[in-house]
């Protein structure tokens, strides 16, 4: 089992042939998967598929970002409990954030701690993007979700919401301050389990927005932390800065490769350039400009992903119109025309020739 696991989990900062890879700490994934297992979900087929042994993984190792997302997508499709993501998100402990934990603890108050969390969100286990929205009485910690296909969207945003809220409540327990949400907004339609969400998160929950939001009272954000320490805070601030610099050096992977990998996560329809740019935390114009510098276009990358997926599906018995639908085409004729342009022959001829 360790063979493939050693390929997925990266102890150093370089991948095959010395290529710089975008990686993340494996600890978040391990906690989520162990949480699913503890919750009674049968994830053994998932672990076997990726040759992962949760009991032997080195918690200090790193995993390729795209591979971790693919595992989350597959996990979302195999769990039975629709609230599994919400429940598993609480399995990441306060201490699992390393120096960032101590940066929070030594901050002057909750507002300063939240600002640190936003500044160093790349050091957390989030895929969504955090920001702070001030208000006259209530302010919001907003989380823009990463667009993922199907069940994976709700599974992942649930985990990030519950994990972030648990972090706030863990700070409350450790510091003896009152930090709780007055309301939480979720960025998807109201599910059948809505009442259970309110019970689990212990506050009102609304659904149907475009982003997740934790609404907090401003006076709670100003409570002084008993562990506030400016000198220690500056020390942990320096440590977090060093980690950010290391991540920046590691993230020099071609944007074109990252975009192709992200698009490959989707099996029924694909996000547009604006949605992909948002997932990467950049403007659509910046994404297109950087791709142009790499001498590729978003449309070309999307067609490449569609062509690879089309060849895979043509190796099955799916009818052409169903393949066209999965690839995001409104009409099968549009798919047939595109495939002829890519392959120089029709899908039917491709099948007859032995894909």
Foldseek 3Di string as FASTA:
>chain_A
DVPLVPQFWAADQAHPPRHQAQKAQCQQVLLLVVLCVVVVFPCVVLCVVSVHDSVPDDRNIIGGPLVSLLSLLVVLVRGDDLLSLLRSLLSQDLCNLPLLSVLLQQAFFQLRNVVSCLVLVVSPPALWHWDKADDDWKIKTWTQFQDADDSSRSSRQSSVVNNVQSNQVVSCVVQVADWAFQEKEEQADQDPCLVVVCVVRVHHYHYNHRIIIGITTPVSRNDTGPNHDVVSSVVSVVVSVVVVVVSVVSPPHQPLVVLLSRQLRAQFEGDDLQSSCNSVVHGSVVSQVSVVVVVHGSVRSLLVSLQVSLLVCLLDPDDQQVSCRRSPHPGSVVVQVSNCVVPVHGSVVVSVVPD
